[in-house]
Amino acid sequence: MAIDAELVRKVAQLAHIAEPEERLAPLAAELNGIIAWIEQLAEVDTDGVEPMTSAVAATLPLREDVVTDGGDSARVLANAPKTVDGFFVVPKVVE
């Protein structure tokens, strides 16, 4: 996939990024270099390689899944800066 100055201009406009006209061609060249580097990854033989989520093999400790009543609400609410009728009071964020 080749990226030209026109495509860079269109993407910059869609992203609401103001780029001067003289920066479009160098950006296109830089993006083409990045795309070429990414395309090199397709050449890597990954047959027989298991997908991984981390570079370190580790298992997470598990706990028993037990249903509880949630504990002592009075102790939990004691940490709140402000409560009303047993509920946390938080600032309004949506009008």
N, C-alpha and C. Protein backbone atom coordinates (compact mmCIF):
# COMPACT_ATOMS: atom_id res chain seq x y z
N MET A 1 0.85 -1.18 0.00
CA MET A 1 0.00 0.00 0.00
C MET A 1 0.89 1.24 0.00
N ALA A 2 0.71 2.06 -0.98
CA ALA A 2 1.50 3.29 -1.08
C ALA A 2 0.69 4.46 -0.52
N ILE A 3 1.35 5.25 0.27
CA ILE A 3 0.71 6.42 0.87
C ILE A 3 1.29 7.65 0.19
N ASP A 4 0.41 8.50 -0.33
CA ASP A 4 0.88 9.72 -0.97
C ASP A 4 0.43 10.94 -0.15
N ALA A 5 0.86 12.11 -0.60
CA ALA A 5 0.55 13.34 0.13
C ALA A 5 -0.95 13.59 0.20
N GLU A 6 -1.68 13.19 -0.84
CA GLU A 6 -3.13 13.40 -0.85
C GLU A 6 -3.81 12.58 0.24
N LEU A 7 -3.36 11.33 0.43
CA LEU A 7 -3.92 10.48 1.48
C LEU A 7 -3.59 11.04 2.86
N VAL A 8 -2.37 11.54 3.03
CA VAL A 8 -1.98 12.14 4.30
C VAL A 8 -2.85 13.36 4.58
N ARG A 9 -3.11 14.17 3.55
CA ARG A 9 -3.96 15.35 3.71
C ARG A 9 -5.36 14.93 4.16
N LYS A 10 -5.92 13.87 3.52
CA LYS A 10 -7.27 13.42 3.84
C LYS A 10 -7.34 12.88 5.27
N VAL A 11 -6.36 12.07 5.68
CA VAL A 11 -6.35 11.53 7.04
C VAL A 11 -6.18 12.64 8.06
N ALA A 12 -5.31 13.59 7.78
CA ALA A 12 -5.11 14.72 8.70
C ALA A 12 -6.40 15.52 8.85
N GLN A 13 -7.12 15.69 7.74
CA GLN A 13 -8.39 16.42 7.81
C GLN A 13 -9.41 15.64 8.62
N LEU A 14 -9.50 14.32 8.41
CA LEU A 14 -10.44 13.51 9.17
C LEU A 14 -10.12 13.51 10.66
N ALA A 15 -8.82 13.57 10.98
CA ALA A 15 -8.40 13.57 12.39
C ALA A 15 -8.35 14.98 12.98
N HIS A 16 -8.73 15.97 12.19
CA HIS A 16 -8.70 17.37 12.63
C HIS A 16 -7.30 17.78 13.08
N ILE A 17 -6.29 17.36 12.29
CA ILE A 17 -4.91 17.73 12.55
C ILE A 17 -4.48 18.71 11.47
N ALA A 18 -4.04 19.88 11.86
CA ALA A 18 -3.59 20.88 10.90
C ALA A 18 -2.14 20.62 10.55
N GLU A 19 -1.89 20.19 9.31
CA GLU A 19 -0.53 19.96 8.84
C GLU A 19 -0.25 20.91 7.70
N PRO A 20 0.87 21.62 7.75
CA PRO A 20 1.22 22.52 6.64
C PRO A 20 1.48 21.71 5.37
N GLU A 21 1.23 22.31 4.23
CA GLU A 21 1.37 21.65 2.94
C GLU A 21 2.78 21.09 2.73
N GLU A 22 3.79 21.78 3.19
CA GLU A 22 5.18 21.32 2.99
C GLU A 22 5.52 20.10 3.85
N ARG A 23 4.69 19.76 4.84
CA ARG A 23 4.94 18.59 5.69
C ARG A 23 4.27 17.32 5.17
N LEU A 24 3.36 17.45 4.18
CA LEU A 24 2.61 16.29 3.71
C LEU A 24 3.49 15.26 3.01
N ALA A 25 4.37 15.69 2.12
CA ALA A 25 5.24 14.76 1.39
C ALA A 25 6.21 14.04 2.34
N PRO A 26 6.89 14.75 3.26
CA PRO A 26 7.76 14.03 4.20
C PRO A 26 6.99 13.05 5.10
N LEU A 27 5.77 13.41 5.50
CA LEU A 27 4.96 12.50 6.30
C LEU A 27 4.59 11.25 5.51
N ALA A 28 4.26 11.44 4.23
CA ALA A 28 3.92 10.30 3.38
C ALA A 28 5.12 9.36 3.26
N ALA A 29 6.31 9.92 3.09
CA ALA A 29 7.52 9.09 3.00
C ALA A 29 7.77 8.35 4.31
N GLU A 30 7.59 9.02 5.42
CA GLU A 30 7.79 8.39 6.73
C GLU A 30 6.77 7.27 6.97
N LEU A 31 5.52 7.51 6.62
CA LEU A 31 4.49 6.49 6.78
C LEU A 31 4.74 5.30 5.86
N ASN A 32 5.22 5.54 4.64
CA ASN A 32 5.57 4.45 3.73
C ASN A 32 6.69 3.59 4.32
N GLY A 33 7.65 4.21 4.98
CA GLY A 33 8.71 3.46 5.65
C GLY A 33 8.18 2.60 6.77
N ILE A 34 7.24 3.13 7.53
CA ILE A 34 6.63 2.36 8.62
C ILE A 34 5.85 1.18 8.07
N ILE A 35 5.08 1.41 7.01
CA ILE A 35 4.30 0.34 6.39
C ILE A 35 5.23 -0.74 5.85
N ALA A 36 6.34 -0.35 5.24
CA ALA A 36 7.30 -1.32 4.71
C ALA A 36 7.88 -2.16 5.85
N TRP A 37 8.17 -1.56 6.97
CA TRP A 37 8.70 -2.29 8.12
C TRP A 37 7.66 -3.28 8.64
N ILE A 38 6.41 -2.86 8.70
CA ILE A 38 5.35 -3.75 9.17
C ILE A 38 5.16 -4.92 8.20
N GLU A 39 5.27 -4.66 6.89
CA GLU A 39 5.12 -5.72 5.90
C GLU A 39 6.23 -6.77 6.03
N GLN A 40 7.39 -6.38 6.55
CA GLN A 40 8.48 -7.34 6.78
C GLN A 40 8.06 -8.39 7.81
N LEU A 41 7.19 -8.03 8.72
CA LEU A 41 6.75 -8.98 9.73
C LEU A 41 5.99 -10.15 9.12
N ALA A 42 5.37 -9.94 7.95
CA ALA A 42 4.64 -11.02 7.28
C ALA A 42 5.62 -12.10 6.78
N GLU A 43 6.88 -11.76 6.62
CA GLU A 43 7.88 -12.71 6.13
C GLU A 43 8.38 -13.65 7.23
N VAL A 44 8.09 -13.35 8.47
CA VAL A 44 8.57 -14.15 9.59
C VAL A 44 7.77 -15.45 9.65
N ASP A 45 8.48 -16.58 9.75
CA ASP A 45 7.82 -17.88 9.84
C ASP A 45 7.34 -18.09 11.28
N THR A 46 6.03 -18.12 11.45
CA THR A 46 5.46 -18.30 12.78
C THR A 46 4.73 -19.63 12.91
N ASP A 47 4.98 -20.56 12.00
CA ASP A 47 4.36 -21.88 12.09
C ASP A 47 4.83 -22.59 13.35
N GLY A 48 3.90 -23.12 14.10
CA GLY A 48 4.23 -23.85 15.32
C GLY A 48 4.49 -22.97 16.53
N VAL A 49 4.32 -21.67 16.39
CA VAL A 49 4.54 -20.77 17.52
C VAL A 49 3.18 -20.47 18.14
N GLU A 50 3.06 -20.77 19.41
CA GLU A 50 1.81 -20.54 20.12
C GLU A 50 1.61 -19.03 20.37
N PRO A 51 0.38 -18.54 20.21
CA PRO A 51 0.11 -17.14 20.56
C PRO A 51 0.37 -16.92 22.05
N MET A 52 0.85 -15.73 22.40
CA MET A 52 1.13 -15.46 23.79
C MET A 52 0.60 -14.09 24.20
N THR A 53 0.31 -13.96 25.46
CA THR A 53 -0.17 -12.69 25.98
C THR A 53 0.91 -11.97 26.76
N SER A 54 2.01 -12.66 27.03
CA SER A 54 3.09 -12.07 27.80
C SER A 54 4.39 -12.75 27.42
N ALA A 55 5.50 -12.08 27.61
CA ALA A 55 6.80 -12.66 27.32
C ALA A 55 7.23 -13.62 28.42
N VAL A 56 6.56 -13.56 29.56
CA VAL A 56 6.89 -14.41 30.69
C VAL A 56 5.73 -15.36 30.94
N ALA A 57 6.02 -16.65 30.98
CA ALA A 57 4.97 -17.63 31.25
C ALA A 57 4.63 -17.59 32.74
N ALA A 58 3.41 -17.28 33.06
CA ALA A 58 2.98 -17.20 34.45
C ALA A 58 1.51 -17.56 34.55
N THR A 59 1.16 -18.14 35.66
CA THR A 59 -0.25 -18.43 35.92
C THR A 59 -0.72 -17.53 37.05
N LEU A 60 -1.95 -17.11 36.94
CA LEU A 60 -2.50 -16.25 37.96
C LEU A 60 -3.04 -17.09 39.11
N PRO A 61 -2.85 -16.60 40.33
CA PRO A 61 -3.43 -17.34 41.46
C PRO A 61 -4.95 -17.22 41.42
N LEU A 62 -5.62 -18.31 41.69
CA LEU A 62 -7.07 -18.31 41.67
C LEU A 62 -7.61 -18.36 43.09
N ARG A 63 -8.75 -17.77 43.28
CA ARG A 63 -9.41 -17.85 44.57
C ARG A 63 -10.73 -18.57 44.37
N GLU A 64 -11.27 -19.08 45.42
CA GLU A 64 -12.54 -19.76 45.35
C GLU A 64 -13.64 -18.74 45.08
N ASP A 65 -14.53 -19.05 44.16
CA ASP A 65 -15.62 -18.16 43.79
C ASP A 65 -16.79 -18.41 44.73
N VAL A 66 -16.91 -17.54 45.74
CA VAL A 66 -17.93 -17.72 46.77
C VAL A 66 -18.82 -16.48 46.79
N VAL A 67 -20.12 -16.70 46.82
CA VAL A 67 -21.07 -15.60 46.91
C VAL A 67 -21.16 -15.18 48.36
N THR A 68 -21.03 -13.87 48.61
CA THR A 68 -21.13 -13.33 49.97
C THR A 68 -22.14 -12.19 49.98
N ASP A 69 -22.42 -11.69 51.14
CA ASP A 69 -23.36 -10.58 51.25
C ASP A 69 -22.68 -9.24 50.99
N GLY A 70 -21.41 -9.24 50.67
CA GLY A 70 -20.71 -8.00 50.34
C GLY A 70 -20.00 -7.37 51.51
N GLY A 71 -20.10 -7.93 52.65
CA GLY A 71 -19.37 -7.37 53.78
C GLY A 71 -20.18 -6.36 54.56
N ASP A 72 -19.47 -5.58 55.32
CA ASP A 72 -20.08 -4.61 56.21
C ASP A 72 -20.17 -3.26 55.49
N SER A 73 -21.37 -2.88 55.08
CA SER A 73 -21.53 -1.63 54.32
C SER A 73 -21.16 -0.41 55.16
N ALA A 74 -21.36 -0.46 56.45
CA ALA A 74 -21.00 0.68 57.30
C ALA A 74 -19.50 0.93 57.26
N ARG A 75 -18.70 -0.14 57.26
CA ARG A 75 -17.23 0.01 57.17
C ARG A 75 -16.81 0.54 55.80
N VAL A 76 -17.50 0.08 54.75
CA VAL A 76 -17.18 0.56 53.41
C VAL A 76 -17.53 2.04 53.29
N LEU A 77 -18.70 2.42 53.74
CA LEU A 77 -19.12 3.81 53.64
C LEU A 77 -18.33 4.73 54.56
N ALA A 78 -17.65 4.18 55.55
CA ALA A 78 -16.83 5.01 56.44
C ALA A 78 -15.67 5.63 55.66
N ASN A 79 -15.28 5.04 54.55
CA ASN A 79 -14.19 5.59 53.73
C ASN A 79 -14.65 6.70 52.80
N ALA A 80 -15.95 6.88 52.65
CA ALA A 80 -16.48 7.86 51.71
C ALA A 80 -16.41 9.26 52.30
N PRO A 81 -16.06 10.25 51.47
CA PRO A 81 -16.06 11.62 51.98
C PRO A 81 -17.46 12.12 52.31
N LYS A 82 -18.49 11.59 51.56
CA LYS A 82 -19.85 12.05 51.81
C LYS A 82 -20.82 10.92 51.46
N THR A 83 -21.82 10.69 52.32
CA THR A 83 -22.83 9.67 52.07
C THR A 83 -24.21 10.23 52.41
N VAL A 84 -25.22 9.65 51.77
CA VAL A 84 -26.61 9.99 52.07
C VAL A 84 -27.42 8.71 52.01
N ASP A 85 -28.11 8.39 53.08
CA ASP A 85 -28.99 7.22 53.15
C ASP A 85 -28.27 5.92 52.75
N GLY A 86 -27.03 5.77 53.15
CA GLY A 86 -26.30 4.54 52.89
C GLY A 86 -25.71 4.45 51.50
N PHE A 87 -25.62 5.57 50.76
CA PHE A 87 -25.04 5.58 49.42
C PHE A 87 -23.91 6.59 49.35
N PHE A 88 -22.94 6.34 48.47
CA PHE A 88 -21.88 7.32 48.19
C PHE A 88 -22.50 8.52 47.50
N VAL A 89 -22.01 9.71 47.82
CA VAL A 89 -22.41 10.92 47.11
C VAL A 89 -21.22 11.35 46.26
N VAL A 90 -21.47 11.48 44.95
CA VAL A 90 -20.40 11.86 44.01
C VAL A 90 -20.82 13.08 43.25
N PRO A 91 -19.85 13.84 42.71
CA PRO A 91 -20.21 15.04 41.95
C PRO A 91 -20.94 14.66 40.66
N LYS A 92 -21.84 15.52 40.25
CA LYS A 92 -22.56 15.32 38.99
C LYS A 92 -21.60 15.55 37.84
N VAL A 93 -21.54 14.59 36.91
CA VAL A 93 -20.61 14.74 35.79
C VAL A 93 -21.33 14.87 34.45
N VAL A 94 -22.61 14.56 34.39
CA VAL A 94 -23.39 14.68 33.16
C VAL A 94 -24.56 15.58 33.44
N GLU A 95 -24.76 16.54 32.57
CA GLU A 95 -25.88 17.47 32.77
C GLU A 95 -27.04 17.11 31.90
